[in-house]
Amino acid sequence: MPVVLRLRRVGAKKKPKYRIVAADSRAAREGKFLETLGSYDPAVNPRKVQFDKEKVEYWLSRGAQVSDTVKSLFKTQGLRLSQ
């Protein structure tokens, strides 16, 4: 089961909020996921990104891939990815 760290959309119509989750790569965007790692709110200024660094490092050590969007969010928060 290939695991990917990606965004899961939550929130109302036209007011998106996202959760950073570890999910099976074959699951739907709002489908099943393994664990919630953090959140991302693009509606506030400045954009709010929160995540649990230990959980992220755990999943990366298990071979999880990171989506491009989540990778850029981690980079803006100063998390170095060794991939």
N, C-alpha and C. Protein backbone atom coordinates (compact mmCIF):
# COMPACT_ATOMS: atom_id res chain seq x y z
N MET A 1 0.84 -1.18 0.00
CA MET A 1 0.00 0.00 0.00
C MET A 1 0.89 1.24 0.00
N PRO A 2 0.95 1.95 -1.14
CA PRO A 2 1.75 3.18 -1.18
C PRO A 2 1.05 4.31 -0.42
N VAL A 3 1.78 4.90 0.51
CA VAL A 3 1.23 5.97 1.34
C VAL A 3 1.75 7.31 0.82
N VAL A 4 0.86 8.30 0.81
CA VAL A 4 1.23 9.63 0.36
C VAL A 4 0.73 10.65 1.38
N LEU A 5 1.54 11.67 1.63
CA LEU A 5 1.14 12.79 2.49
C LEU A 5 0.54 13.84 1.57
N ARG A 6 -0.74 14.15 1.79
CA ARG A 6 -1.44 15.06 0.90
C ARG A 6 -2.51 15.85 1.64
N LEU A 7 -3.19 16.73 0.92
CA LEU A 7 -4.24 17.56 1.51
C LEU A 7 -5.59 16.88 1.36
N ARG A 8 -6.42 17.03 2.38
CA ARG A 8 -7.80 16.54 2.37
C ARG A 8 -8.67 17.76 2.60
N ARG A 9 -9.57 18.04 1.66
CA ARG A 9 -10.38 19.26 1.75
C ARG A 9 -11.51 19.09 2.76
N VAL A 10 -11.67 20.10 3.62
CA VAL A 10 -12.79 20.20 4.55
C VAL A 10 -13.28 21.64 4.48
N GLY A 11 -14.37 21.95 5.14
CA GLY A 11 -14.87 23.32 5.13
C GLY A 11 -16.06 23.47 4.21
N ALA A 12 -16.65 24.64 4.25
CA ALA A 12 -17.86 24.93 3.48
C ALA A 12 -17.53 25.27 2.03
N LYS A 13 -18.58 25.35 1.22
CA LYS A 13 -18.42 25.73 -0.18
C LYS A 13 -17.84 27.14 -0.26
N LYS A 14 -16.85 27.32 -1.10
CA LYS A 14 -16.15 28.59 -1.31
C LYS A 14 -15.34 29.05 -0.10
N LYS A 15 -15.22 28.22 0.94
CA LYS A 15 -14.41 28.53 2.11
C LYS A 15 -13.57 27.31 2.46
N PRO A 16 -12.58 27.01 1.63
CA PRO A 16 -11.83 25.77 1.84
C PRO A 16 -10.88 25.82 3.03
N LYS A 17 -10.76 24.72 3.67
CA LYS A 17 -9.72 24.45 4.66
C LYS A 17 -9.24 23.06 4.34
N TYR A 18 -8.03 22.77 4.71
CA TYR A 18 -7.45 21.48 4.36
C TYR A 18 -6.82 20.84 5.58
N ARG A 19 -6.80 19.52 5.59
CA ARG A 19 -6.05 18.77 6.58
C ARG A 19 -4.92 18.06 5.86
N ILE A 20 -3.76 18.06 6.47
CA ILE A 20 -2.63 17.31 5.93
C ILE A 20 -2.76 15.91 6.50
N VAL A 21 -2.87 14.91 5.62
CA VAL A 21 -3.12 13.55 6.06
C VAL A 21 -2.15 12.58 5.39
N ALA A 22 -1.97 11.44 6.03
CA ALA A 22 -1.30 10.30 5.43
C ALA A 22 -2.40 9.39 4.91
N ALA A 23 -2.38 9.11 3.61
CA ALA A 23 -3.47 8.34 3.01
C ALA A 23 -2.90 7.36 1.99
N ASP A 24 -3.68 6.33 1.71
CA ASP A 24 -3.37 5.41 0.63
C ASP A 24 -3.47 6.21 -0.67
N SER A 25 -2.52 6.05 -1.56
CA SER A 25 -2.51 6.85 -2.79
C SER A 25 -3.71 6.56 -3.68
N ARG A 26 -4.37 5.43 -3.49
CA ARG A 26 -5.52 5.08 -4.33
C ARG A 26 -6.83 5.61 -3.77
N ALA A 27 -6.83 6.15 -2.55
CA ALA A 27 -8.06 6.65 -1.92
C ALA A 27 -8.46 7.99 -2.53
N ALA A 28 -9.75 8.30 -2.47
CA ALA A 28 -10.26 9.57 -2.98
C ALA A 28 -9.77 10.73 -2.11
N ARG A 29 -9.86 11.96 -2.64
CA ARG A 29 -9.36 13.14 -1.91
C ARG A 29 -10.03 13.28 -0.55
N GLU A 30 -11.33 13.09 -0.47
CA GLU A 30 -12.04 13.16 0.80
C GLU A 30 -12.33 11.78 1.35
N GLY A 31 -11.65 10.78 0.84
CA GLY A 31 -11.90 9.40 1.26
C GLY A 31 -11.14 9.02 2.51
N LYS A 32 -10.94 7.71 2.65
CA LYS A 32 -10.25 7.18 3.82
C LYS A 32 -8.83 7.71 3.92
N PHE A 33 -8.37 7.85 5.15
CA PHE A 33 -6.99 8.24 5.38
C PHE A 33 -6.50 7.50 6.62
N LEU A 34 -5.19 7.45 6.78
CA LEU A 34 -4.58 6.70 7.87
C LEU A 34 -4.43 7.53 9.13
N GLU A 35 -4.00 8.79 8.97
CA GLU A 35 -3.75 9.64 10.13
C GLU A 35 -3.75 11.11 9.72
N THR A 36 -4.26 11.97 10.59
CA THR A 36 -4.20 13.41 10.38
C THR A 36 -2.90 13.94 10.95
N LEU A 37 -2.17 14.70 10.13
CA LEU A 37 -0.86 15.20 10.54
C LEU A 37 -0.86 16.70 10.83
N GLY A 38 -1.84 17.42 10.30
CA GLY A 38 -1.88 18.86 10.52
C GLY A 38 -3.00 19.51 9.76
N SER A 39 -2.91 20.84 9.60
CA SER A 39 -3.96 21.58 8.90
C SER A 39 -3.35 22.74 8.12
N TYR A 40 -4.14 23.23 7.14
CA TYR A 40 -3.74 24.34 6.29
C TYR A 40 -4.98 25.17 6.02
N ASP A 41 -4.91 26.48 6.32
CA ASP A 41 -6.02 27.39 6.09
C ASP A 41 -5.56 28.51 5.16
N PRO A 42 -5.92 28.43 3.87
CA PRO A 42 -5.48 29.45 2.92
C PRO A 42 -6.30 30.74 2.96
N ALA A 43 -7.40 30.75 3.71
CA ALA A 43 -8.31 31.90 3.70
C ALA A 43 -7.82 33.05 4.57
N VAL A 44 -6.99 32.78 5.56
CA VAL A 44 -6.50 33.84 6.44
C VAL A 44 -5.20 34.41 5.87
N ASN A 45 -4.89 35.63 6.29
CA ASN A 45 -3.67 36.26 5.81
C ASN A 45 -2.80 36.61 7.00
N PRO A 46 -1.62 36.09 7.19
CA PRO A 46 -0.93 35.13 6.32
C PRO A 46 -1.52 33.73 6.45
N ARG A 47 -1.28 32.93 5.44
CA ARG A 47 -1.83 31.57 5.43
C ARG A 47 -1.32 30.78 6.62
N LYS A 48 -2.22 30.01 7.20
CA LYS A 48 -1.92 29.29 8.44
C LYS A 48 -1.63 27.82 8.15
N VAL A 49 -0.42 27.38 8.51
CA VAL A 49 -0.02 25.99 8.32
C VAL A 49 0.43 25.46 9.67
N GLN A 50 -0.15 24.33 10.09
CA GLN A 50 0.24 23.68 11.33
C GLN A 50 0.38 22.19 11.06
N PHE A 51 1.41 21.57 11.63
CA PHE A 51 1.55 20.12 11.51
C PHE A 51 2.42 19.60 12.63
N ASP A 52 2.27 18.31 12.90
CA ASP A 52 3.03 17.64 13.93
C ASP A 52 4.30 17.08 13.28
N LYS A 53 5.43 17.69 13.58
CA LYS A 53 6.69 17.33 12.94
C LYS A 53 7.08 15.88 13.19
N GLU A 54 6.83 15.37 14.40
CA GLU A 54 7.19 13.99 14.72
C GLU A 54 6.40 13.00 13.87
N LYS A 55 5.11 13.26 13.70
CA LYS A 55 4.28 12.37 12.88
C LYS A 55 4.72 12.40 11.41
N VAL A 56 5.05 13.59 10.92
CA VAL A 56 5.51 13.71 9.53
C VAL A 56 6.80 12.93 9.34
N GLU A 57 7.74 13.09 10.26
CA GLU A 57 9.01 12.36 10.15
C GLU A 57 8.81 10.86 10.26
N TYR A 58 7.84 10.43 11.09
CA TYR A 58 7.53 9.00 11.19
C TYR A 58 7.09 8.45 9.84
N TRP A 59 6.15 9.13 9.18
CA TRP A 59 5.64 8.63 7.91
C TRP A 59 6.70 8.69 6.81
N LEU A 60 7.54 9.72 6.84
CA LEU A 60 8.62 9.79 5.86
C LEU A 60 9.62 8.67 6.06
N SER A 61 9.88 8.30 7.33
CA SER A 61 10.80 7.19 7.59
C SER A 61 10.21 5.85 7.14
N ARG A 62 8.89 5.77 7.04
CA ARG A 62 8.21 4.56 6.56
C ARG A 62 8.10 4.52 5.04
N GLY A 63 8.63 5.53 4.36
CA GLY A 63 8.64 5.52 2.90
C GLY A 63 7.48 6.24 2.25
N ALA A 64 6.76 7.07 2.99
CA ALA A 64 5.63 7.81 2.42
C ALA A 64 6.14 8.85 1.43
N GLN A 65 5.41 9.02 0.33
CA GLN A 65 5.71 10.06 -0.64
C GLN A 65 4.98 11.33 -0.22
N VAL A 66 5.42 12.47 -0.74
CA VAL A 66 4.82 13.76 -0.38
C VAL A 66 4.30 14.41 -1.67
N SER A 67 3.05 14.89 -1.64
CA SER A 67 2.52 15.59 -2.81
C SER A 67 3.26 16.91 -2.99
N ASP A 68 3.21 17.46 -4.20
CA ASP A 68 3.93 18.70 -4.49
C ASP A 68 3.45 19.86 -3.63
N THR A 69 2.14 19.95 -3.42
CA THR A 69 1.59 21.04 -2.61
C THR A 69 2.03 20.94 -1.16
N VAL A 70 1.95 19.75 -0.60
CA VAL A 70 2.37 19.56 0.79
C VAL A 70 3.87 19.79 0.93
N LYS A 71 4.63 19.38 -0.06
CA LYS A 71 6.07 19.61 -0.04
C LYS A 71 6.38 21.10 0.03
N SER A 72 5.66 21.91 -0.75
CA SER A 72 5.90 23.35 -0.72
C SER A 72 5.45 23.96 0.61
N LEU A 73 4.37 23.44 1.20
CA LEU A 73 3.95 23.93 2.52
C LEU A 73 5.01 23.61 3.58
N PHE A 74 5.55 22.41 3.54
CA PHE A 74 6.60 22.03 4.49
C PHE A 74 7.83 22.92 4.31
N LYS A 75 8.16 23.21 3.06
CA LYS A 75 9.33 24.03 2.79
C LYS A 75 9.16 25.44 3.34
N THR A 76 7.94 26.01 3.23
CA THR A 76 7.71 27.36 3.76
C THR A 76 7.79 27.38 5.28
N GLN A 77 7.54 26.23 5.93
CA GLN A 77 7.61 26.14 7.39
C GLN A 77 9.00 25.72 7.87
N GLY A 78 9.93 25.50 6.95
CA GLY A 78 11.29 25.19 7.32
C GLY A 78 11.59 23.72 7.54
N LEU A 79 10.71 22.83 7.13
CA LEU A 79 10.96 21.39 7.27
C LEU A 79 11.73 20.92 6.05
N ARG A 80 12.89 20.35 6.27
CA ARG A 80 13.72 19.86 5.19
C ARG A 80 13.33 18.42 4.87
N LEU A 81 13.08 18.16 3.58
CA LEU A 81 12.76 16.81 3.13
C LEU A 81 13.99 16.26 2.43
N SER A 82 14.40 15.09 2.81
CA SER A 82 15.60 14.50 2.23
C SER A 82 15.26 13.57 1.08
N GLN A 83 14.34 13.99 0.23
CA GLN A 83 13.95 13.15 -0.92
C GLN A 83 14.40 13.80 -2.20
